[in-house]
Amino acid sequence: MTFYVVIQKGICIFGAGITKEEALDQACEWTDTKITDLVYSESYNSADEDSFVLIECTERLYSEICLKGSVLYTVDNNIADIDID
């Protein structure tokens, strides 16, 4: 199964889901924006600071977001995971 997050790069995670649409829906709830109006990319490394990015995440990160809501993250190879440092 694949999991997704919407991250405002350098800020925090705004949405998570088991589909891209679910993650985008959550982000739109937090930003009070319609999906059609949310500007985002799908490449974390090439995204500008403060811009929104939709990328895959690990099941571990997804589970922590569901439990805690706010989680520190790290991104490697365009996949977000829990920051354990």
N, C-alpha and C. Protein backbone atom coordinates (compact mmCIF):
# COMPACT_ATOMS: atom_id res chain seq x y z
N MET A 1 0.84 -1.17 0.00
CA MET A 1 0.00 0.00 0.00
C MET A 1 0.89 1.24 0.00
N THR A 2 0.48 2.27 -0.68
CA THR A 2 1.22 3.52 -0.78
C THR A 2 0.53 4.59 0.06
N PHE A 3 1.32 5.43 0.71
CA PHE A 3 0.80 6.51 1.54
C PHE A 3 1.38 7.83 1.03
N TYR A 4 0.66 8.92 1.26
CA TYR A 4 1.06 10.23 0.73
C TYR A 4 0.95 11.30 1.80
N VAL A 5 1.77 12.34 1.65
CA VAL A 5 1.68 13.52 2.50
C VAL A 5 1.78 14.78 1.65
N VAL A 6 1.16 15.83 2.16
CA VAL A 6 1.34 17.16 1.59
C VAL A 6 2.13 17.94 2.62
N ILE A 7 3.30 18.40 2.21
CA ILE A 7 4.21 19.12 3.09
C ILE A 7 4.37 20.54 2.56
N GLN A 8 4.33 21.50 3.48
CA GLN A 8 4.78 22.84 3.11
C GLN A 8 6.27 22.83 3.44
N LYS A 9 7.08 22.80 2.41
CA LYS A 9 8.52 22.57 2.56
C LYS A 9 9.14 23.52 3.57
N GLY A 10 9.83 22.93 4.53
CA GLY A 10 10.48 23.70 5.57
C GLY A 10 9.56 24.11 6.70
N ILE A 11 8.27 23.77 6.60
CA ILE A 11 7.32 24.19 7.64
C ILE A 11 6.76 22.96 8.37
N CYS A 12 5.80 22.29 7.77
CA CYS A 12 5.17 21.14 8.41
C CYS A 12 4.33 20.35 7.41
N ILE A 13 3.80 19.24 7.89
CA ILE A 13 2.91 18.39 7.10
C ILE A 13 1.49 18.92 7.25
N PHE A 14 0.80 19.08 6.13
CA PHE A 14 -0.56 19.60 6.13
C PHE A 14 -1.62 18.55 5.84
N GLY A 15 -1.23 17.40 5.34
CA GLY A 15 -2.21 16.36 5.05
C GLY A 15 -1.53 15.04 4.80
N ALA A 16 -2.27 13.96 5.09
CA ALA A 16 -1.76 12.62 4.85
C ALA A 16 -2.92 11.74 4.41
N GLY A 17 -2.61 10.74 3.59
CA GLY A 17 -3.69 9.87 3.13
C GLY A 17 -3.16 8.62 2.45
N ILE A 18 -4.08 7.71 2.20
CA ILE A 18 -3.72 6.49 1.48
C ILE A 18 -3.87 6.69 -0.02
N THR A 19 -4.38 7.85 -0.39
CA THR A 19 -4.41 8.25 -1.80
C THR A 19 -3.92 9.70 -1.88
N LYS A 20 -3.52 10.10 -3.06
CA LYS A 20 -3.12 11.49 -3.25
C LYS A 20 -4.28 12.43 -2.93
N GLU A 21 -5.47 12.04 -3.37
CA GLU A 21 -6.65 12.88 -3.17
C GLU A 21 -6.96 13.07 -1.69
N GLU A 22 -6.81 12.01 -0.90
CA GLU A 22 -7.06 12.12 0.54
C GLU A 22 -6.07 13.07 1.21
N ALA A 23 -4.82 12.96 0.85
CA ALA A 23 -3.80 13.87 1.40
C ALA A 23 -4.08 15.32 0.98
N LEU A 24 -4.46 15.52 -0.27
CA LEU A 24 -4.78 16.86 -0.76
C LEU A 24 -6.02 17.41 -0.06
N ASP A 25 -7.04 16.57 0.15
CA ASP A 25 -8.25 17.00 0.85
C ASP A 25 -7.92 17.52 2.25
N GLN A 26 -7.08 16.78 2.97
CA GLN A 26 -6.70 17.21 4.31
C GLN A 26 -5.93 18.53 4.27
N ALA A 27 -5.02 18.66 3.34
CA ALA A 27 -4.26 19.90 3.23
C ALA A 27 -5.19 21.07 2.93
N CYS A 28 -6.17 20.84 2.11
CA CYS A 28 -7.12 21.91 1.77
C CYS A 28 -7.96 22.31 2.97
N GLU A 29 -8.28 21.36 3.83
CA GLU A 29 -9.02 21.69 5.06
C GLU A 29 -8.20 22.63 5.94
N TRP A 30 -6.90 22.34 6.08
CA TRP A 30 -6.03 23.15 6.93
C TRP A 30 -5.74 24.51 6.31
N THR A 31 -5.67 24.59 4.99
CA THR A 31 -5.33 25.84 4.33
C THR A 31 -6.55 26.62 3.86
N ASP A 32 -7.73 26.03 4.04
CA ASP A 32 -8.97 26.67 3.61
C ASP A 32 -8.93 26.99 2.11
N THR A 33 -8.46 26.00 1.34
CA THR A 33 -8.28 26.14 -0.10
C THR A 33 -9.00 25.00 -0.81
N LYS A 34 -9.45 25.23 -2.02
CA LYS A 34 -10.01 24.16 -2.85
C LYS A 34 -8.87 23.39 -3.51
N ILE A 35 -9.08 22.09 -3.74
CA ILE A 35 -8.03 21.28 -4.39
C ILE A 35 -7.61 21.90 -5.71
N THR A 36 -8.56 22.40 -6.46
CA THR A 36 -8.23 22.98 -7.76
C THR A 36 -7.39 24.25 -7.64
N ASP A 37 -7.39 24.87 -6.45
CA ASP A 37 -6.62 26.10 -6.25
C ASP A 37 -5.29 25.87 -5.54
N LEU A 38 -5.09 24.68 -4.98
CA LEU A 38 -3.85 24.40 -4.25
C LEU A 38 -2.72 24.17 -5.25
N VAL A 39 -1.69 24.97 -5.14
CA VAL A 39 -0.53 24.85 -6.02
C VAL A 39 0.51 24.00 -5.31
N TYR A 40 0.93 22.91 -5.96
CA TYR A 40 1.90 22.02 -5.35
C TYR A 40 2.73 21.35 -6.43
N SER A 41 3.87 20.82 -6.02
CA SER A 41 4.69 20.03 -6.94
C SER A 41 4.79 18.62 -6.36
N GLU A 42 5.43 17.73 -7.10
CA GLU A 42 5.60 16.37 -6.62
C GLU A 42 7.08 16.01 -6.52
N SER A 43 7.92 17.02 -6.41
CA SER A 43 9.36 16.81 -6.24
C SER A 43 9.84 17.68 -5.08
N TYR A 44 10.16 17.05 -3.97
CA TYR A 44 10.57 17.78 -2.78
C TYR A 44 11.85 18.57 -3.02
N ASN A 45 12.84 17.95 -3.61
CA ASN A 45 14.15 18.60 -3.77
C ASN A 45 14.10 19.83 -4.67
N SER A 46 13.28 19.80 -5.69
CA SER A 46 13.23 20.95 -6.60
C SER A 46 12.21 22.01 -6.18
N ALA A 47 11.44 21.73 -5.13
CA ALA A 47 10.44 22.70 -4.66
C ALA A 47 11.12 23.84 -3.90
N ASP A 48 10.56 25.02 -4.01
CA ASP A 48 11.03 26.17 -3.26
C ASP A 48 10.61 26.04 -1.80
N GLU A 49 11.38 26.65 -0.90
CA GLU A 49 10.99 26.70 0.50
C GLU A 49 9.60 27.33 0.60
N ASP A 50 8.80 26.84 1.54
CA ASP A 50 7.44 27.31 1.81
C ASP A 50 6.41 26.87 0.79
N SER A 51 6.81 26.19 -0.29
CA SER A 51 5.82 25.74 -1.27
C SER A 51 5.31 24.36 -0.87
N PHE A 52 4.14 24.01 -1.38
CA PHE A 52 3.52 22.72 -1.07
C PHE A 52 4.04 21.63 -1.99
N VAL A 53 4.23 20.45 -1.39
CA VAL A 53 4.74 19.30 -2.12
C VAL A 53 3.90 18.08 -1.75
N LEU A 54 3.48 17.33 -2.75
CA LEU A 54 2.76 16.07 -2.55
C LEU A 54 3.71 14.94 -2.89
N ILE A 55 4.07 14.13 -1.87
CA ILE A 55 5.00 13.03 -2.09
C ILE A 55 4.56 11.79 -1.33
N GLU A 56 5.18 10.69 -1.66
CA GLU A 56 4.92 9.46 -0.92
C GLU A 56 5.54 9.56 0.46
N CYS A 57 5.00 8.76 1.39
CA CYS A 57 5.59 8.67 2.72
C CYS A 57 5.55 7.22 3.17
N THR A 58 6.31 6.94 4.20
CA THR A 58 6.32 5.59 4.75
C THR A 58 5.05 5.34 5.56
N GLU A 59 4.73 4.07 5.72
CA GLU A 59 3.58 3.72 6.56
C GLU A 59 3.82 4.18 7.99
N ARG A 60 5.06 4.11 8.42
CA ARG A 60 5.41 4.55 9.79
C ARG A 60 5.09 6.02 10.00
N LEU A 61 5.43 6.87 9.03
CA LEU A 61 5.11 8.30 9.14
C LEU A 61 3.61 8.51 9.09
N TYR A 62 2.94 7.85 8.17
CA TYR A 62 1.49 7.98 8.06
C TYR A 62 0.81 7.62 9.38
N SER A 63 1.22 6.51 9.98
CA SER A 63 0.64 6.06 11.25
C SER A 63 0.86 7.08 12.36
N GLU A 64 2.06 7.63 12.43
CA GLU A 64 2.36 8.64 13.46
C GLU A 64 1.53 9.90 13.27
N ILE A 65 1.34 10.30 12.02
CA ILE A 65 0.51 11.48 11.74
C ILE A 65 -0.92 11.22 12.21
N CYS A 66 -1.43 10.03 11.93
CA CYS A 66 -2.79 9.68 12.36
C CYS A 66 -2.92 9.68 13.88
N LEU A 67 -1.87 9.26 14.58
CA LEU A 67 -1.89 9.20 16.05
C LEU A 67 -1.66 10.55 16.70
N LYS A 68 -0.67 11.29 16.20
CA LYS A 68 -0.23 12.52 16.87
C LYS A 68 -0.62 13.81 16.17
N GLY A 69 -0.85 13.74 14.89
CA GLY A 69 -1.19 14.94 14.14
C GLY A 69 0.02 15.70 13.63
N SER A 70 0.99 15.94 14.50
CA SER A 70 2.18 16.68 14.11
C SER A 70 3.40 15.81 14.32
N VAL A 71 4.21 15.68 13.29
CA VAL A 71 5.37 14.79 13.34
C VAL A 71 6.53 15.45 12.61
N LEU A 72 7.72 15.34 13.19
CA LEU A 72 8.91 15.79 12.48
C LEU A 72 9.24 14.77 11.40
N TYR A 73 9.66 15.27 10.26
CA TYR A 73 9.88 14.39 9.11
C TYR A 73 11.23 14.66 8.47
N THR A 74 11.64 13.72 7.67
CA THR A 74 12.81 13.86 6.81
C THR A 74 12.42 13.32 5.44
N VAL A 75 13.08 13.77 4.39
CA VAL A 75 12.76 13.31 3.04
C VAL A 75 14.04 12.78 2.39
N ASP A 76 13.94 11.56 1.88
CA ASP A 76 15.06 10.94 1.18
C ASP A 76 14.51 10.26 -0.07
N ASN A 77 15.10 10.55 -1.21
CA ASN A 77 14.63 10.01 -2.49
C ASN A 77 13.14 10.29 -2.73
N ASN A 78 12.71 11.48 -2.33
CA ASN A 78 11.34 11.96 -2.53
C ASN A 78 10.30 11.16 -1.76
N ILE A 79 10.72 10.51 -0.66
CA ILE A 79 9.81 9.78 0.22
C ILE A 79 10.01 10.30 1.63
N ALA A 80 8.92 10.72 2.27
CA ALA A 80 8.98 11.26 3.62
C ALA A 80 8.93 10.13 4.64
N ASP A 81 9.69 10.31 5.72
CA ASP A 81 9.71 9.35 6.82
C ASP A 81 9.85 10.13 8.12
N ILE A 82 9.69 9.45 9.24
CA ILE A 82 9.86 10.08 10.55
C ILE A 82 11.32 10.48 10.72
N ASP A 83 11.53 11.67 11.27
CA ASP A 83 12.87 12.12 11.60
C ASP A 83 13.21 11.59 12.99
N ILE A 84 14.11 10.62 13.04
CA ILE A 84 14.43 9.97 14.31
C ILE A 84 15.69 10.53 14.96
N ASP A 85 16.27 11.56 14.40
CA ASP A 85 17.48 12.15 15.00
C ASP A 85 17.13 13.02 16.18
